[in-house]
Amino acid sequence: MKFPVIELVDRYTIAVVKHKNTAGANQAELDFYHNQMLELDLDRIYREVNALIKLHFKIWSMEDDFKKCRLAGVDLAEIGQRALDIRDLNNSRVTLKNQIAELLDDSVREIKQDHVSA
């Protein structure tokens, strides 16, 4: 199965983080994406891929706190701020993915629209 470049890179970087945080429980998944990544010009996107991995580590950690209910006793304002921080990290993720697509001359871009209530 082939993915658009930005999705392949995103899924690969998530798999790297998952591999590290689960003691390698997703080895087959990581290998699958890694083999496809070898078809890309990795030298051109090295910095962006590493930045995306670091970003996914931050997102994983913040989302893990929510999933494992580590926020007991934290006031709603703090929880709301954390949710906004995750949103901002995801916006940075979209920017990085689109930079990668541009560097690799791929036409697929992710478009993130702001949701404005009327």
C-alpha atoms as a PDB file:
ATOM      1  CA  MET A   1       0.000   0.000   0.000  1.00  0.00           C
ATOM      2  CA  LYS A   2       1.379   3.404  -0.968  1.00  0.00           C
ATOM      3  CA  PHE A   3       0.615   6.565   0.956  1.00  0.00           C
ATOM      4  CA  PRO A   4       1.007  10.212  -0.043  1.00  0.00           C
ATOM      5  CA  VAL A   5       4.450  11.383   1.065  1.00  0.00           C
ATOM      6  CA  ILE A   6       3.155  13.498   3.939  1.00  0.00           C
ATOM      7  CA  GLU A   7       1.082  10.621   5.303  1.00  0.00           C
ATOM      8  CA  LEU A   8       3.908   8.128   4.924  1.00  0.00           C
ATOM      9  CA  VAL A   9       6.337  10.376   6.772  1.00  0.00           C
ATOM     10  CA  ASP A  10       3.765  11.153   9.469  1.00  0.00           C
ATOM     11  CA  ARG A  11       2.891   7.479  10.008  1.00  0.00           C
ATOM     12  CA  TYR A  12       6.570   6.542  10.038  1.00  0.00           C
ATOM     13  CA  THR A  13       7.418   9.162  12.653  1.00  0.00           C
ATOM     14  CA  ILE A  14       4.476   8.076  14.803  1.00  0.00           C
ATOM     15  CA  ALA A  15       5.653   4.456  14.480  1.00  0.00           C
ATOM     16  CA  VAL A  16       9.149   5.512  15.621  1.00  0.00           C
ATOM     17  CA  VAL A  17       7.680   7.126  18.742  1.00  0.00           C
ATOM     18  CA  LYS A  18       5.375   4.175  19.374  1.00  0.00           C
ATOM     19  CA  HIS A  19       8.310   1.772  18.985  1.00  0.00           C
ATOM     20  CA  LYS A  20      10.335   3.677  21.563  1.00  0.00           C
ATOM     21  CA  ASN A  21       7.441   4.036  24.012  1.00  0.00           C
ATOM     22  CA  THR A  22       6.240   0.419  23.759  1.00  0.00           C
ATOM     23  CA  ALA A  23       9.620  -1.343  23.854  1.00  0.00           C
ATOM     24  CA  GLY A  24       9.363  -2.287  20.199  1.00  0.00           C
ATOM     25  CA  ALA A  25       5.879  -3.793  20.283  1.00  0.00           C
ATOM     26  CA  ASN A  26       5.136  -2.426  16.796  1.00  0.00           C
ATOM     27  CA  GLN A  27       8.248  -3.687  15.001  1.00  0.00           C
ATOM     28  CA  ALA A  28       6.322  -4.955  11.950  1.00  0.00           C
ATOM     29  CA  GLU A  29       4.553  -1.602  11.584  1.00  0.00           C
ATOM     30  CA  LEU A  30       7.828   0.315  11.871  1.00  0.00           C
ATOM     31  CA  ASP A  31       9.514  -1.963   9.330  1.00  0.00           C
ATOM     32  CA  PHE A  32       6.602  -1.521   6.918  1.00  0.00           C
ATOM     33  CA  TYR A  33       6.860   2.277   6.962  1.00  0.00           C
ATOM     34  CA  HIS A  34      10.669   2.263   7.082  1.00  0.00           C
ATOM     35  CA  ASN A  35      10.881   0.216   3.876  1.00  0.00           C
ATOM     36  CA  GLN A  36       8.675   2.747   2.090  1.00  0.00           C
ATOM     37  CA  MET A  37      10.657   5.663   3.513  1.00  0.00           C
ATOM     38  CA  LEU A  38      13.782   4.294   1.814  1.00  0.00           C
ATOM     39  CA  GLU A  39      12.235   5.303  -1.519  1.00  0.00           C
ATOM     40  CA  LEU A  40      12.347   8.981  -0.508  1.00  0.00           C
ATOM     41  CA  ASP A  41      15.250  11.407  -0.663  1.00  0.00           C
ATOM     42  CA  LEU A  42      15.817  11.276   3.080  1.00  0.00           C
ATOM     43  CA  ASP A  43      18.780  13.659   2.979  1.00  0.00           C
ATOM     44  CA  ARG A  44      16.452  16.447   1.800  1.00  0.00           C
ATOM     45  CA  ILE A  45      14.011  15.969   4.674  1.00  0.00           C
ATOM     46  CA  TYR A  46      16.310  14.835   7.497  1.00  0.00           C
ATOM     47  CA  ARG A  47      15.758  17.887   9.727  1.00  0.00           C
ATOM     48  CA  GLU A  48      12.012  17.953   9.189  1.00  0.00           C
ATOM     49  CA  VAL A  49      11.640  14.224   9.918  1.00  0.00           C
ATOM     50  CA  ASN A  50      13.608  14.602  13.156  1.00  0.00           C
ATOM     51  CA  ALA A  51      11.546  17.645  14.125  1.00  0.00           C
ATOM     52  CA  LEU A  52       8.376  15.663  13.429  1.00  0.00           C
ATOM     53  CA  ILE A  53       9.598  12.796  15.619  1.00  0.00           C
ATOM     54  CA  LYS A  54      10.310  15.227  18.473  1.00  0.00           C
ATOM     55  CA  LEU A  55       6.877  16.775  18.013  1.00  0.00           C
ATOM     56  CA  HIS A  56       5.206  13.359  18.123  1.00  0.00           C
ATOM     57  CA  PHE A  57       7.053  12.543  21.368  1.00  0.00           C
ATOM     58  CA  LYS A  58       5.556  15.700  22.908  1.00  0.00           C
ATOM     59  CA  ILE A  59       2.081  14.919  21.602  1.00  0.00           C
ATOM     60  CA  TRP A  60       2.338  11.293  22.779  1.00  0.00           C
ATOM     61  CA  SER A  61       3.307  12.394  26.275  1.00  0.00           C
ATOM     62  CA  MET A  62       0.547  14.972  26.558  1.00  0.00           C
ATOM     63  CA  GLU A  63      -2.129  12.666  25.148  1.00  0.00           C
ATOM     64  CA  ASP A  64      -0.877   9.829  27.352  1.00  0.00           C
ATOM     65  CA  ASP A  65      -1.584  11.969  30.417  1.00  0.00           C
ATOM     66  CA  PHE A  66      -5.193  12.310  29.264  1.00  0.00           C
ATOM     67  CA  LYS A  67      -5.563   8.632  28.380  1.00  0.00           C
ATOM     68  CA  LYS A  68      -4.119   7.389  31.657  1.00  0.00           C
ATOM     69  CA  CYS A  69      -6.025   9.909  33.760  1.00  0.00           C
ATOM     70  CA  ARG A  70      -2.842  11.408  35.168  1.00  0.00           C
ATOM     71  CA  LEU A  71      -4.594  14.721  35.459  1.00  0.00           C
ATOM     72  CA  ALA A  72      -6.539  13.905  38.622  1.00  0.00           C
ATOM     73  CA  GLY A  73      -6.736  17.011  40.750  1.00  0.00           C
ATOM     74  CA  VAL A  74      -5.738  19.299  37.894  1.00  0.00           C
ATOM     75  CA  ASP A  75      -8.158  22.182  37.471  1.00  0.00           C
ATOM     76  CA  LEU A  76     -10.213  22.598  34.317  1.00  0.00           C
ATOM     77  CA  ALA A  77      -8.205  25.622  33.203  1.00  0.00           C
ATOM     78  CA  GLU A  78      -5.011  23.539  33.167  1.00  0.00           C
ATOM     79  CA  ILE A  79      -6.728  20.690  31.329  1.00  0.00           C
ATOM     80  CA  GLY A  80      -8.088  23.168  28.796  1.00  0.00           C
ATOM     81  CA  GLN A  81      -4.640  24.686  28.336  1.00  0.00           C
ATOM     82  CA  ARG A  82      -3.138  21.250  27.734  1.00  0.00           C
ATOM     83  CA  ALA A  83      -5.783  20.533  25.111  1.00  0.00           C
ATOM     84  CA  LEU A  84      -4.949  23.839  23.410  1.00  0.00           C
ATOM     85  CA  ASP A  85      -1.244  22.984  23.567  1.00  0.00           C
ATOM     86  CA  ILE A  86      -1.930  19.663  21.830  1.00  0.00           C
ATOM     87  CA  ARG A  87      -3.929  21.506  19.183  1.00  0.00           C
ATOM     88  CA  ASP A  88      -1.009  23.892  18.631  1.00  0.00           C
ATOM     89  CA  LEU A  89       1.443  20.992  18.352  1.00  0.00           C
ATOM     90  CA  ASN A  90      -0.820  19.378  15.783  1.00  0.00           C
ATOM     91  CA  ASN A  91      -0.865  22.632  13.819  1.00  0.00           C
ATOM     92  CA  SER A  92       2.954  22.603  13.863  1.00  0.00           C
ATOM     93  CA  ARG A  93       2.776  18.996  12.696  1.00  0.00           C
ATOM     94  CA  VAL A  94       0.721  20.025   9.658  1.00  0.00           C
ATOM     95  CA  THR A  95       3.250  22.742   8.852  1.00  0.00           C
ATOM     96  CA  LEU A  96       6.138  20.262   9.018  1.00  0.00           C
ATOM     97  CA  LYS A  97       4.290  17.729   6.877  1.00  0.00           C
ATOM     98  CA  ASN A  98       3.652  20.365   4.232  1.00  0.00           C
ATOM     99  CA  GLN A  99       7.299  21.481   4.320  1.00  0.00           C
ATOM    100  CA  ILE A 100       8.302  17.880   3.670  1.00  0.00           C
ATOM    101  CA  ALA A 101       5.910  17.656   0.732  1.00  0.00           C
ATOM    102  CA  GLU A 102       7.372  20.859  -0.688  1.00  0.00           C
ATOM    103  CA  LEU A 103      10.965  19.675  -0.247  1.00  0.00           C
ATOM    104  CA  LEU A 104      10.141  16.429  -2.065  1.00  0.00           C
ATOM    105  CA  ASP A 105       8.102  18.156  -4.779  1.00  0.00           C
ATOM    106  CA  ASP A 106       4.963  16.265  -3.782  1.00  0.00           C
ATOM    107  CA  SER A 107       1.705  17.972  -4.682  1.00  0.00           C
ATOM    108  CA  VAL A 108      -0.331  16.612  -1.755  1.00  0.00           C
ATOM    109  CA  ARG A 109      -0.714  19.049   1.133  1.00  0.00           C
ATOM    110  CA  GLU A 110      -2.741  18.935   4.305  1.00  0.00           C
ATOM    111  CA  ILE A 111      -5.099  21.844   4.688  1.00  0.00           C
ATOM    112  CA  LYS A 112      -6.040  22.725   8.230  1.00  0.00           C
ATOM    113  CA  GLN A 113      -9.057  24.967   8.518  1.00  0.00           C
ATOM    114  CA  ASP A 114      -9.835  27.033  11.543  1.00  0.00           C
ATOM    115  CA  HIS A 115     -13.223  26.232  13.013  1.00  0.00           C
ATOM    116  CA  VAL A 116     -15.092  29.404  13.729  1.00  0.00           C
ATOM    117  CA  SER A 117     -18.450  29.244  15.390  1.00  0.00           C
ATOM    118  CA  ALA A 118     -21.109  31.561  14.077  1.00  0.00           C
END
